[in-house]
Protein backbone atom coordinates (compact mmCIF):
# COMPACT_ATOMS: atom_id res chain seq x y z
CA MET A 1 135.19 28.12 -26.56
CA PRO A 2 134.40 26.30 -23.30
CA HIS A 3 131.17 24.37 -23.25
CA PRO A 4 128.38 25.67 -21.01
CA PRO A 5 128.12 23.98 -17.63
CA ALA A 6 124.44 23.14 -18.27
CA GLN A 7 125.50 20.69 -21.01
CA SER A 8 127.75 17.68 -20.90
CA LYS A 9 130.89 17.72 -22.95
CA GLU A 10 129.53 15.10 -25.34
CA THR A 11 126.28 17.01 -25.90
CA TRP A 12 128.21 20.23 -26.57
CA GLN A 13 130.40 18.45 -29.12
CA ASP A 14 127.37 17.01 -30.91
CA ASN A 15 125.67 20.39 -31.11
CA ARG A 16 128.85 22.02 -32.39
CA LEU A 17 129.21 19.41 -35.15
CA LEU A 18 125.61 19.78 -36.27
CA ALA A 19 126.00 23.56 -36.39
CA SER A 20 129.12 23.20 -38.50
CA LEU A 21 127.32 20.83 -40.86
CA ALA A 22 124.44 23.25 -41.21
CA GLU A 23 126.78 26.20 -41.93
CA GLY A 24 129.07 24.25 -44.28
CA ARG A 25 132.22 24.84 -42.22
CA TYR A 26 135.33 22.62 -42.16
CA ILE A 27 134.98 19.50 -39.96
CA PRO A 28 138.22 18.20 -38.41
CA HIS A 29 138.71 14.43 -38.62
CA ARG A 30 139.20 14.26 -34.85
CA PHE A 31 135.77 15.85 -34.39
CA LEU A 32 134.19 13.34 -36.77
CA ALA A 33 135.65 10.45 -34.72
CA LEU A 34 134.20 11.96 -31.54
CA PHE A 35 130.83 12.29 -33.23
CA ARG A 36 130.94 8.64 -34.31
CA ARG A 37 131.45 7.51 -30.71
CA SER A 38 128.65 9.82 -29.60
CA LEU A 39 126.41 8.38 -32.32
CA LEU A 40 126.91 4.85 -31.00
CA ARG A 41 126.36 5.98 -27.41
CA LYS A 42 123.11 7.82 -28.11
CA SER A 43 121.70 5.14 -30.33
CA ASP A 44 122.19 2.66 -27.49
CA SER A 45 120.55 4.99 -24.96
CA LEU A 46 117.54 5.45 -27.27
CA SER A 47 117.35 1.73 -28.10
CA MET A 48 117.91 2.63 -31.76
CA ARG A 49 120.36 1.30 -34.28
CA PRO A 50 123.12 3.80 -35.20
CA GLN A 51 122.03 4.12 -38.83
CA HIS A 52 118.47 5.02 -37.72
CA TYR A 53 119.71 7.65 -35.28
CA PHE A 54 122.04 9.12 -37.89
CA ALA A 55 119.22 9.23 -40.44
CA SER A 56 117.21 11.32 -37.99
CA LEU A 57 120.06 13.88 -37.95
CA LEU A 58 120.43 14.15 -41.73
CA PRO A 59 117.66 16.74 -42.24
CA LEU A 60 119.30 19.01 -39.66
CA ALA A 61 122.77 18.44 -41.08
CA SER A 62 121.63 19.49 -44.57
CA SER A 63 119.38 22.38 -43.55
CA GLY A 64 122.01 25.11 -44.00
CA PRO A 65 122.87 26.94 -47.19
CA LYS A 66 125.52 24.34 -48.03
CA GLY A 67 125.15 21.86 -45.29
CA LEU A 68 126.69 18.46 -45.83
CA LEU A 69 127.81 19.39 -49.33
CA CYS A 70 130.77 21.44 -48.24
CA LEU A 71 133.12 19.06 -46.39
CA SER A 72 136.68 20.10 -47.21
CA SER A 73 137.82 16.57 -48.00
CA TRP A 74 135.45 16.41 -51.03
CA PRO A 75 135.10 18.60 -54.11
CA THR A 76 132.52 21.30 -53.58
CA ARG A 77 130.33 20.05 -56.44
CA ALA A 78 130.54 16.37 -55.48
CA GLY A 79 128.09 16.89 -52.63
CA PRO A 80 125.25 14.85 -54.17
CA LEU A 81 127.41 11.75 -54.28
CA LEU A 82 128.39 12.15 -50.63
CA LEU A 83 124.80 12.69 -49.62
CA ILE A 84 123.78 9.50 -51.43
CA LEU A 85 126.50 7.52 -49.69
CA LEU A 86 125.66 8.81 -46.22
CA SER A 87 121.92 8.36 -46.75
CA ALA A 88 122.47 4.73 -47.70
CA ILE A 89 123.49 4.06 -44.09
CA ASN A 90 119.81 4.21 -43.19
CA PHE A 91 119.10 1.13 -45.29
CA ILE A 92 121.66 -1.18 -43.75
CA GLY A 93 120.00 -4.46 -42.78
CA CYS A 94 118.81 -4.77 -39.17
CA ALA A 95 118.60 -8.57 -39.00
CA ARG A 96 121.29 -10.27 -36.98
CA PHE A 97 122.31 -13.88 -36.71
CA ASP A 98 120.62 -15.58 -33.79
CA PRO A 99 122.49 -18.79 -32.93
CA LYS A 100 120.30 -21.66 -31.73
CA PRO A 101 122.54 -24.58 -30.83
CA LEU A 102 120.89 -28.00 -30.78
CA SER A 103 121.97 -30.18 -27.89
CA PRO A 104 121.03 -33.89 -28.05
CA SER A 105 121.45 -34.26 -24.29
CA ALA A 106 119.14 -31.31 -23.53
CA THR A 107 116.57 -32.64 -26.00
CA VAL A 108 116.63 -36.06 -24.36
CA GLU A 109 116.10 -34.49 -20.94
CA ARG A 110 113.06 -32.57 -22.19
CA LEU A 111 111.60 -35.68 -23.80
CA GLN A 112 112.06 -37.76 -20.68
CA ALA A 113 110.55 -35.01 -18.50
CA ARG A 114 107.23 -35.03 -20.37
CA SER A 115 104.27 -36.13 -18.29
CA PHE A 116 100.53 -35.79 -17.85
CA THR A 117 101.00 -33.59 -14.78
CA ASN A 118 102.40 -30.62 -16.72
CA ALA A 119 100.70 -27.37 -15.70
CA VAL A 120 101.09 -25.93 -19.21
CA LEU A 121 99.33 -29.01 -20.59
CA GLN A 122 96.52 -28.38 -18.11
CA LYS A 123 96.09 -24.85 -19.44
CA PHE A 124 96.07 -26.12 -23.04
CA LEU A 125 93.41 -28.74 -22.22
CA GLN A 126 91.20 -26.22 -20.44
CA GLN A 127 91.37 -23.87 -23.41
CA GLN A 128 90.36 -26.58 -25.85
CA LEU A 129 87.75 -28.28 -23.65
CA HIS A 130 86.26 -24.92 -22.59
CA ARG A 131 85.98 -26.08 -19.00
CA GLU A 132 88.01 -26.16 -15.82
CA LEU A 133 89.83 -29.37 -14.92
CA ALA A 134 89.30 -29.78 -11.19
CA GLY A 135 91.73 -31.87 -9.22
CA TRP A 136 94.75 -31.61 -11.50
CA PRO A 137 96.52 -33.79 -12.38
CA ALA A 138 93.49 -35.60 -13.78
CA VAL A 139 93.20 -39.22 -12.73
CA THR A 140 90.92 -40.50 -15.50
CA TRP A 141 91.56 -39.51 -19.11
CA ASP A 142 89.03 -40.03 -21.87
CA PHE A 143 89.74 -40.21 -25.60
CA GLU A 144 89.19 -36.50 -26.15
CA MET A 145 91.67 -35.48 -23.45
CA LEU A 146 94.23 -38.00 -24.68
CA THR A 147 93.86 -36.68 -28.23
CA LEU A 148 94.59 -33.13 -27.12
CA ALA A 149 97.58 -34.30 -25.10
CA ALA A 150 98.91 -36.16 -28.14
CA LEU A 151 98.50 -33.05 -30.28
CA TYR A 152 100.40 -31.12 -27.62
CA TYR A 153 103.35 -33.50 -27.42
CA HIS A 154 103.65 -35.43 -30.70
CA PRO A 155 106.80 -34.52 -32.70
CA ASP A 156 105.01 -34.82 -36.05
CA MET A 157 103.03 -31.71 -35.15
CA GLU A 158 106.25 -29.79 -34.60
CA VAL A 159 107.58 -30.91 -37.99
CA ALA A 160 104.36 -29.92 -39.78
CA ARG A 161 104.35 -26.51 -38.09
CA ALA A 162 107.98 -25.96 -39.05
CA GLN A 163 107.23 -26.80 -42.67
CA TRP A 164 104.36 -24.33 -42.65
CA ALA A 165 106.67 -21.67 -41.19
CA VAL A 166 109.03 -22.23 -44.12
CA THR A 167 106.27 -21.53 -46.63
CA ARG A 168 105.21 -18.42 -44.72
CA GLY A 169 108.78 -17.21 -44.98
CA ALA A 170 108.58 -17.84 -48.72
CA GLU A 171 105.47 -15.66 -48.79
CA ARG A 172 107.44 -12.77 -47.31
CA THR A 173 110.20 -13.36 -49.83
CA ALA A 174 107.74 -13.29 -52.71
CA ALA A 175 106.23 -10.03 -51.45
CA GLN A 176 109.57 -8.23 -51.43
CA ARG A 177 110.29 -5.67 -54.12
CA PRO A 178 113.73 -5.74 -55.73
CA ASN A 179 116.21 -3.36 -54.14
CA PRO A 180 117.84 -0.54 -56.12
CA ILE A 181 121.57 -0.79 -56.72
CA LEU A 182 123.91 2.11 -56.02
CA THR A 183 127.09 2.29 -58.09
CA VAL A 184 129.80 4.83 -57.25
CA THR A 185 132.98 5.13 -59.33
CA PRO A 186 135.53 7.64 -58.05
CA GLY A 187 137.79 9.08 -60.76
CA TYR A 188 140.86 11.28 -60.91
CA ASP A 189 142.39 12.95 -63.97
CA SER A 190 146.13 13.28 -63.35
CA THR A 191 146.76 15.22 -66.57
CA THR A 192 144.41 18.09 -65.91
CA LEU A 193 144.33 19.70 -62.49
CA THR A 194 142.16 22.71 -63.31
CA PRO A 195 139.45 23.46 -62.60
CA SER A 196 139.45 20.11 -60.68
CA PRO A 197 141.08 16.72 -61.30
CA TRP A 198 138.15 14.86 -59.72
CA ILE A 199 135.69 13.05 -62.04
CA PRO A 200 133.47 10.94 -59.68
CA LEU A 201 130.55 9.05 -61.23
CA GLY A 202 127.50 7.62 -59.49
CA PHE A 203 124.16 6.19 -60.55
CA ILE A 204 121.29 4.22 -59.04
CA ASP A 205 119.81 1.15 -60.75
CA VAL A 206 116.08 1.11 -59.98
CA PRO A 207 114.35 -2.14 -61.10
CA LEU A 208 110.68 -1.95 -62.08
CA GLU A 209 108.76 -5.23 -62.35
CA THR A 210 106.11 -5.27 -65.04
CA ALA A 211 103.02 -7.30 -65.94
CA GLY A 212 102.09 -8.06 -62.30
CA LYS A 213 104.93 -10.51 -61.65
CA ARG A 214 105.02 -9.73 -57.96
CA ARG A 215 101.27 -10.34 -57.64
CA TYR A 216 101.51 -13.74 -59.32
CA ARG A 217 104.58 -14.64 -57.29
CA ARG A 218 102.69 -13.88 -54.09
CA ALA A 219 99.69 -15.90 -55.26
CA GLN A 220 101.93 -18.89 -55.96
CA THR A 221 103.55 -18.85 -52.52
CA ALA A 222 100.16 -18.23 -50.88
CA GLY A 223 98.86 -21.45 -52.43
CA LEU A 224 101.88 -23.42 -51.24
CA SER A 225 101.54 -21.90 -47.77
CA GLU A 226 97.86 -22.87 -47.59
CA ALA A 227 98.75 -26.42 -48.60
CA ALA A 228 101.35 -26.55 -45.82
CA ARG A 229 98.81 -25.18 -43.32
CA LEU A 230 96.36 -27.90 -44.29
CA ASN A 231 99.14 -30.44 -43.85
CA VAL A 232 99.33 -29.36 -40.20
CA ALA A 233 95.66 -30.24 -39.80
CA ALA A 234 96.23 -33.51 -41.68
CA ALA A 235 99.06 -34.34 -39.28
CA ALA A 236 96.66 -33.74 -36.39
CA TRP A 237 94.20 -36.20 -37.93
CA GLN A 238 97.00 -38.75 -38.34
CA VAL A 239 97.95 -38.36 -34.70
CA ARG A 240 94.33 -38.87 -33.65
CA SER A 241 93.96 -41.90 -35.93
CA HIS A 242 97.12 -43.54 -34.63
CA LEU A 243 96.10 -42.76 -31.05
CA ARG A 244 92.71 -44.39 -31.50
CA ALA A 245 94.29 -47.50 -33.03
CA ALA A 246 96.88 -47.72 -30.25
CA LEU A 247 94.28 -47.29 -27.52
CA THR A 248 92.01 -49.91 -29.07
CA GLU A 249 94.82 -52.43 -29.39
CA PHE A 250 96.01 -51.75 -25.84
CA ASP A 251 92.51 -52.19 -24.45
CA VAL A 252 91.91 -55.42 -26.38
CA ASP A 253 95.32 -56.82 -25.43
CA MET A 254 94.67 -56.20 -21.75
CA ARG A 255 91.23 -57.84 -21.95
CA ARG A 256 92.65 -60.74 -23.96
CA GLN A 257 95.33 -61.31 -21.35
CA THR A 258 92.72 -61.32 -18.59
CA LEU A 259 90.52 -63.83 -20.45
CA LEU A 260 93.49 -66.09 -21.20
CA GLU A 261 94.55 -66.05 -17.56
CA GLN A 262 91.04 -67.12 -16.54
CA GLN A 263 90.92 -69.75 -19.28
CA LEU A 264 94.34 -71.07 -18.25
CA SER A 265 93.18 -71.35 -14.65
CA TYR A 266 90.12 -73.41 -15.63
CA GLN A 267 92.17 -75.53 -18.02
CA GLU A 268 94.70 -76.32 -15.30
CA LYS A 269 91.85 -77.42 -13.01
CA LEU A 270 90.41 -79.53 -15.81
CA VAL A 271 93.74 -81.22 -16.50
CA HIS A 272 94.20 -81.86 -12.77
CA LEU A 273 90.77 -83.57 -12.53
CA LEU A 274 91.44 -85.64 -15.63
CA GLU A 275 94.80 -86.75 -14.22
CA GLN A 276 93.04 -87.87 -11.06
CA GLN A 277 90.56 -89.86 -13.16
CA VAL A 278 93.41 -91.46 -15.12
CA GLN A 279 95.11 -92.45 -11.87
CA ALA A 280 91.82 -93.89 -10.63
CA GLY A 281 91.41 -95.83 -13.85
CA ALA A 282 88.16 -94.04 -14.71
CA ILE A 283 89.40 -92.87 -18.11
CA ALA A 284 92.14 -93.89 -20.49
CA PRO A 285 95.39 -91.83 -20.63
CA SER A 286 94.66 -90.95 -24.25
CA GLN A 287 91.65 -88.92 -23.10
CA LEU A 288 93.98 -86.69 -21.10
CA LEU A 289 96.19 -85.82 -24.08
CA PRO A 290 93.88 -83.21 -25.78
CA ALA A 291 93.44 -81.37 -22.49
CA ARG A 292 97.20 -81.21 -21.96
CA ILE A 293 97.76 -79.95 -25.51
CA SER A 294 95.13 -77.26 -24.94
CA LEU A 295 96.90 -76.30 -21.70
CA ILE A 296 100.25 -75.91 -23.48
CA LYS A 297 98.64 -73.85 -26.22
CA LEU A 298 96.96 -71.59 -23.67
CA ARG A 299 100.28 -70.97 -21.93
CA LEU A 300 101.85 -69.98 -25.25
CA ASP A 301 98.86 -67.76 -26.08
CA LEU A 302 99.14 -66.06 -22.69
CA ALA A 303 102.85 -65.39 -23.18
CA ASP A 304 102.11 -63.92 -26.62
CA ALA A 305 99.33 -61.78 -25.16
CA GLN A 306 101.67 -60.44 -22.49
CA ARG A 307 104.23 -59.54 -25.16
CA SER A 308 101.55 -57.93 -27.31
CA ARG A 309 100.29 -55.92 -24.35
CA ALA A 310 103.78 -54.59 -23.61
CA GLU A 311 104.23 -53.61 -27.26
CA ALA A 312 100.82 -51.93 -27.35
CA ARG A 313 101.68 -49.94 -24.23
CA ALA A 314 104.97 -48.78 -25.71
CA ARG A 315 103.22 -47.94 -28.99
CA LEU A 316 100.62 -45.89 -27.11
CA ALA A 317 103.35 -43.90 -25.36
CA GLU A 318 105.03 -43.32 -28.72
CA VAL A 319 101.80 -42.04 -30.26
CA MET A 320 101.27 -39.77 -27.26
CA GLY A 321 104.81 -38.40 -27.53
CA VAL A 322 105.63 -39.20 -23.88
CA PRO A 323 107.90 -41.73 -22.16
CA THR A 324 106.30 -45.05 -21.30
CA ARG A 325 106.47 -44.44 -17.56
CA ALA A 326 104.19 -41.41 -17.98
CA LEU A 327 101.29 -43.82 -18.63
CA ASP A 328 101.57 -44.97 -15.01
CA GLU A 329 100.29 -41.54 -13.94
CA ILE A 330 96.85 -41.89 -15.51
CA SER A 331 93.87 -44.18 -15.80
CA ILE A 332 92.31 -44.46 -19.27
CA ALA A 333 88.54 -44.51 -19.77
CA PHE A 334 88.36 -47.01 -22.63
CA ASP A 335 84.55 -46.71 -22.75
CA SER A 336 85.02 -43.37 -24.54
CA LEU A 337 86.23 -45.33 -27.59
CA LEU A 338 82.87 -47.03 -28.12
CA PRO A 339 81.07 -45.86 -31.27
CA GLY A 340 77.70 -45.19 -29.65
CA ALA A 341 75.25 -43.12 -31.66
CA ALA A 342 78.04 -41.46 -33.70
CA ILE A 343 78.15 -44.38 -36.11
CA ALA A 344 74.83 -43.46 -37.70
CA GLY A 345 76.01 -39.97 -38.61
CA LEU A 346 78.95 -41.31 -40.65
CA ARG A 347 76.79 -43.22 -43.13
CA THR A 348 74.70 -40.37 -44.50
CA GLU A 349 75.10 -39.29 -48.11
CA GLN A 350 75.58 -35.71 -46.99
CA VAL A 351 78.67 -36.64 -44.96
CA ARG A 352 80.10 -38.60 -47.87
CA ARG A 353 79.67 -35.74 -50.34
CA ALA A 354 81.13 -33.27 -47.85
CA ALA A 355 84.16 -35.52 -47.37
CA LEU A 356 84.76 -35.70 -51.12
CA GLN A 357 84.87 -31.92 -51.26
CA SER A 358 86.44 -30.88 -47.98
CA ARG A 359 88.82 -33.61 -46.86
CA LEU A 360 92.16 -32.15 -45.88
CA ASP A 361 94.14 -33.98 -48.54
CA ILE A 362 91.67 -32.80 -51.18
CA LEU A 363 91.86 -29.19 -50.01
CA SER A 364 95.66 -29.42 -49.90
CA ALA A 365 95.76 -30.72 -53.48
CA LEU A 366 93.43 -27.90 -54.49
CA ALA A 367 95.81 -25.36 -52.91
CA ASP A 368 98.72 -26.95 -54.80
CA TYR A 369 96.75 -26.55 -58.02
CA ALA A 370 96.11 -22.88 -57.23
CA ALA A 371 99.86 -22.43 -56.75
CA ALA A 372 100.52 -24.15 -60.10
CA GLN A 373 97.95 -21.89 -61.73
CA ALA A 374 99.70 -18.81 -60.37
CA ALA A 375 103.04 -20.20 -61.57
CA VAL A 376 101.67 -20.32 -65.13
CA GLN A 377 100.54 -16.71 -64.83
CA LEU A 378 103.97 -15.74 -63.51
CA GLU A 379 105.82 -17.39 -66.38
CA ILE A 380 103.50 -15.78 -68.92
CA ALA A 381 104.12 -12.40 -67.29
CA LYS A 382 107.85 -12.99 -67.63
CA GLN A 383 107.41 -12.67 -71.40
CA TYR A 384 107.36 -8.95 -70.79
CA PRO A 385 110.79 -7.65 -69.77
CA ASP A 386 111.36 -5.70 -66.61
CA ILE A 387 112.67 -2.14 -66.81
CA ARG A 388 115.69 -0.84 -64.93
CA LEU A 389 115.95 2.93 -64.62
CA GLN A 390 119.45 4.31 -64.06
CA PRO A 391 119.52 7.96 -63.02
CA GLY A 392 123.14 9.10 -62.66
CA TYR A 393 125.38 12.04 -61.86
CA GLN A 394 128.99 12.83 -62.74
CA TYR A 395 131.21 15.72 -61.73
CA ASP A 396 133.49 16.10 -64.72
CA GLN A 397 136.25 18.65 -64.06
CA GLY A 398 133.93 21.40 -62.99
CA ASP A 399 130.90 20.28 -65.02
CA ASN A 400 127.78 18.76 -63.42
CA LYS A 401 126.47 16.03 -65.71
CA TRP A 402 123.12 14.37 -65.08
CA SER A 403 121.84 11.31 -66.97
CA LEU A 404 118.85 8.97 -67.04
CA GLY A 405 119.43 5.53 -68.51
CA MET A 406 117.07 2.62 -69.05
CA VAL A 407 117.92 -1.07 -69.35
CA VAL A 408 115.46 -3.51 -70.94
CA ASP A 409 115.96 -7.17 -71.82
CA LEU A 410 115.21 -7.76 -75.49
CA PRO A 411 113.17 -10.93 -76.11
CA VAL A 412 115.05 -11.79 -79.28
CA PHE A 413 116.11 -15.41 -78.88
CA HIS A 414 113.12 -16.60 -76.85
CA GLN A 415 109.94 -15.29 -75.30
CA ASN A 416 110.06 -17.54 -72.20
CA GLN A 417 108.29 -20.37 -74.07
CA GLY A 418 110.21 -23.10 -72.24
CA PRO A 419 109.33 -22.08 -68.66
CA ILE A 420 105.73 -21.42 -69.77
CA ALA A 421 105.44 -24.94 -71.19
CA GLU A 422 106.99 -26.38 -68.04
CA ALA A 423 104.60 -24.44 -65.79
CA ARG A 424 101.60 -25.55 -67.83
CA ALA A 425 102.73 -29.18 -67.62
CA LYS A 426 103.10 -28.87 -63.85
CA ARG A 427 99.61 -27.40 -63.69
CA GLU A 428 98.26 -30.43 -65.53
CA GLU A 429 100.19 -32.66 -63.16
CA ALA A 430 98.62 -30.87 -60.17
CA ALA A 431 95.17 -31.28 -61.72
CA ALA A 432 95.76 -34.99 -62.32
CA ARG A 433 96.99 -35.41 -58.75
CA PHE A 434 93.87 -33.67 -57.44
CA ARG A 435 91.58 -35.97 -59.44
CA ALA A 436 93.55 -39.03 -58.29
CA ILE A 437 93.26 -37.99 -54.63
CA GLN A 438 89.53 -37.39 -55.01
CA ALA A 439 89.05 -40.77 -56.69
CA LYS A 440 91.08 -42.42 -53.95
CA ALA A 441 88.94 -40.71 -51.33
CA LEU A 442 85.77 -42.01 -52.99
CA ALA A 443 87.14 -45.56 -53.04
CA GLU A 444 88.25 -45.31 -49.41
CA ILE A 445 84.83 -44.08 -48.31
CA GLU A 446 83.00 -46.87 -50.13
CA ARG A 447 85.40 -49.53 -48.84
CA ALA A 448 85.22 -48.21 -45.27
CA THR A 449 81.42 -48.18 -45.44
CA GLN A 450 81.26 -51.80 -46.56
CA VAL A 451 83.88 -52.98 -44.05
CA LEU A 452 82.10 -51.18 -41.22
CA GLN A 453 78.79 -52.79 -42.13
CA VAL A 454 80.28 -56.30 -42.25
CA ALA A 455 82.27 -55.76 -39.05
CA GLU A 456 79.16 -54.58 -37.24
CA GLN A 457 77.19 -57.63 -38.37
CA THR A 458 80.02 -59.96 -37.35
CA ALA A 459 80.36 -58.32 -33.95
CA THR A 460 76.61 -58.70 -33.38
CA ALA A 461 76.71 -62.40 -34.32
CA LEU A 462 79.71 -63.09 -32.08
CA ARG A 463 78.00 -61.26 -29.23
CA SER A 464 74.98 -63.55 -29.63
CA LEU A 465 77.27 -66.58 -29.68
CA ALA A 466 78.97 -65.48 -26.47
CA GLN A 467 75.63 -64.90 -24.81
CA ALA A 468 74.47 -68.41 -25.82
CA GLN A 469 77.68 -69.89 -24.45
CA ALA A 470 77.16 -67.97 -21.20
CA GLU A 471 73.70 -69.50 -20.90
CA ARG A 472 75.16 -73.01 -21.36
CA ARG A 473 77.80 -72.26 -18.75
CA ASP A 474 75.13 -71.16 -16.26
CA SER A 475 73.02 -74.21 -17.12
CA ALA A 476 75.97 -76.54 -16.53
CA ALA A 477 76.65 -74.90 -13.18
CA ALA A 478 73.02 -75.33 -12.16
CA GLN A 479 73.00 -78.99 -13.19
CA PHE A 480 76.22 -79.56 -11.27
CA GLN A 481 74.57 -78.13 -8.17
CA ALA A 482 71.67 -80.55 -8.75
CA GLY A 483 74.09 -83.49 -9.14
CA ALA A 484 73.26 -84.09 -12.80
CA LEU A 485 76.74 -83.17 -14.11
CA GLU A 486 80.27 -83.66 -12.94
CA GLN A 487 82.79 -80.91 -12.23
CA VAL A 488 84.65 -81.76 -15.42
CA ASP A 489 81.58 -80.78 -17.42
CA VAL A 490 81.34 -77.45 -15.58
CA LEU A 491 85.00 -76.65 -16.20
CA THR A 492 84.63 -77.57 -19.86
CA ALA A 493 81.59 -75.29 -20.21
CA GLN A 494 83.48 -72.45 -18.52
CA ALA A 495 86.48 -72.89 -20.83
CA GLU A 496 84.18 -72.91 -23.87
CA TYR A 497 82.54 -69.70 -22.66
CA LEU A 498 85.93 -67.99 -22.26
CA ALA A 499 86.91 -69.17 -25.75
CA ALA A 500 83.72 -67.60 -27.10
CA GLU A 501 84.57 -64.38 -25.24
CA LEU A 502 87.99 -64.32 -26.91
CA VAL A 503 86.39 -64.71 -30.32
CA GLN A 504 83.92 -61.95 -29.49
CA LEU A 505 86.81 -59.75 -28.40
CA ASP A 506 88.47 -60.16 -31.79
CA GLY A 507 85.18 -59.20 -33.43
CA GLN A 508 84.94 -56.08 -31.29
CA LEU A 509 88.51 -55.17 -32.23
CA LYS A 510 87.72 -55.40 -35.94
CA PHE A 511 84.52 -53.41 -35.46
CA GLN A 512 86.26 -50.60 -33.59
CA GLN A 513 89.05 -50.56 -36.17
CA ALA A 514 86.46 -50.30 -38.95
CA PHE A 515 84.69 -47.50 -37.09
CA GLY A 516 87.98 -45.61 -36.66
CA ALA A 517 88.79 -46.09 -40.36
CA MET A 518 85.37 -44.69 -41.27
CA GLN A 519 86.04 -41.61 -39.17
CA ASP A 520 89.41 -41.17 -40.84
CA VAL A 521 88.13 -41.32 -44.42
CA VAL A 522 85.30 -38.82 -43.84
CA GLN A 523 87.26 -36.83 -41.21
CA ARG A 524 84.29 -36.52 -38.92
CA PRO A 525 83.41 -35.60 -36.21
CA PHE A 526 86.75 -34.30 -34.89
CA GLU A 527 87.53 -30.63 -35.49
CA VAL A 528 91.22 -29.74 -35.45
CA PRO A 529 91.84 -27.14 -32.69
CA GLY A 530 93.17 -23.83 -33.93
CA ASP A 531 95.96 -23.80 -31.33
CA VAL A 532 97.72 -26.77 -32.97
CA PHE A 533 98.89 -24.38 -35.69
CA GLU A 534 100.94 -22.40 -33.19
CA SER A 535 104.63 -23.19 -32.85
CA SER A 536 105.07 -22.04 -29.25
CA ARG A 537 105.11 -25.63 -27.98
CA ALA A 538 108.02 -26.78 -30.13
CA ASN A 539 109.95 -27.73 -27.00
CA ALA A 540 106.99 -28.51 -24.79
CA PRO A 541 107.97 -29.86 -21.39
């Protein structure tokens, strides 16, 4: 029969096959091959997988009086087995392998291309700061902006997010129900050909989990996933802590280098004046020796300060997750590191108690304990065996035989006592770890409080000392103008003032380090942005 001109040849063939399936007529193998090619073509045109498209045709194919059960290549009564086999196509897995090659050269290029002028970084900063950044790229960066940039670029954040993604995948695994198993055993009796030599057998193994095992399994993985999520926030705090330390050291090293350069300049002038006095016979050569030794020591101190500054700069770039040359693009507002009025809010009893209950490491340990608790429940539930139902069908030489089997593990030799004891021991271990972390947090808070108090007192005393030395320097300069002192005395007073400034600088460094440590142990006042949990910036430019 020629196909109507209103239809394409392929469409006419498909309709003819479906009509034959519905009426139970013989299907030639050549026609089945054509239908298979048509199936692939139409599934592609509909953006569907072939098994999904075929499943949508099964109701039509089996709607006739015999339908799919009457293909001539199978026994007439073996239709249920064929229907089971063809229906199983619908459950073929849809996941495909997605290759993601890792190229060291491409990774290096992305790392070296990172900068503070990135437009995507600008968008991230504006979202977190809740304000527009006019004049991008920004020229001056404060501590808050640098912290967000470090969270955007630092590789530890990528690792923590990847670990959290693994636990979320485990959550999906735990939520899955066990798949049924289809077993088909074709058989042929060569001794008896009537009424039919075929004796095919098929059954489905349907597992049924009992005692809420799936619920406890999901609770266990949910606890581990929550712990991993909190580890992302803990990694953000670590990045901020290391950034603050690196910025403080870089700032102090630059100021120390400047003070040493000034002190070296005055010391060189002092040594030059003393040499002139030695040549004039005004003083003995032995009086020049201490000044020369001080000059040599200052030159060594300056060289060490220059090395320390270079290391601090490289360490700052490492903490930021950018190449060192990227720091040339910005100017850092170091004044944003000063404690200010925030120091008073860290010493309250309310903040201390909140830290002992809501620090990230404490909450993470608590989530681990919840997972261990669910593991105990899961092992206890495993005392009760699962049930496997096995409905089956066999066509036995003209007879249709239906069966319903059931498989149950018999808890004869053990009742899962070993895994239960192991899970309970791990729960006790998790509880002990939680108490140890909480005790450690309490000790860290008390130690940080005491160190901050002492460092603040020391910084105040050194500031007073530097101010007194500045007054003596100004007094010596005034007396020199009046002719009461010589220039050597003025240079000596200036060098002593710069030495006092260096000592004060060390005191400020210890005070800022103590303040940063206090912030770290109470984890205040910084709130981890919600966007740091996203993994879309894994390869941030």
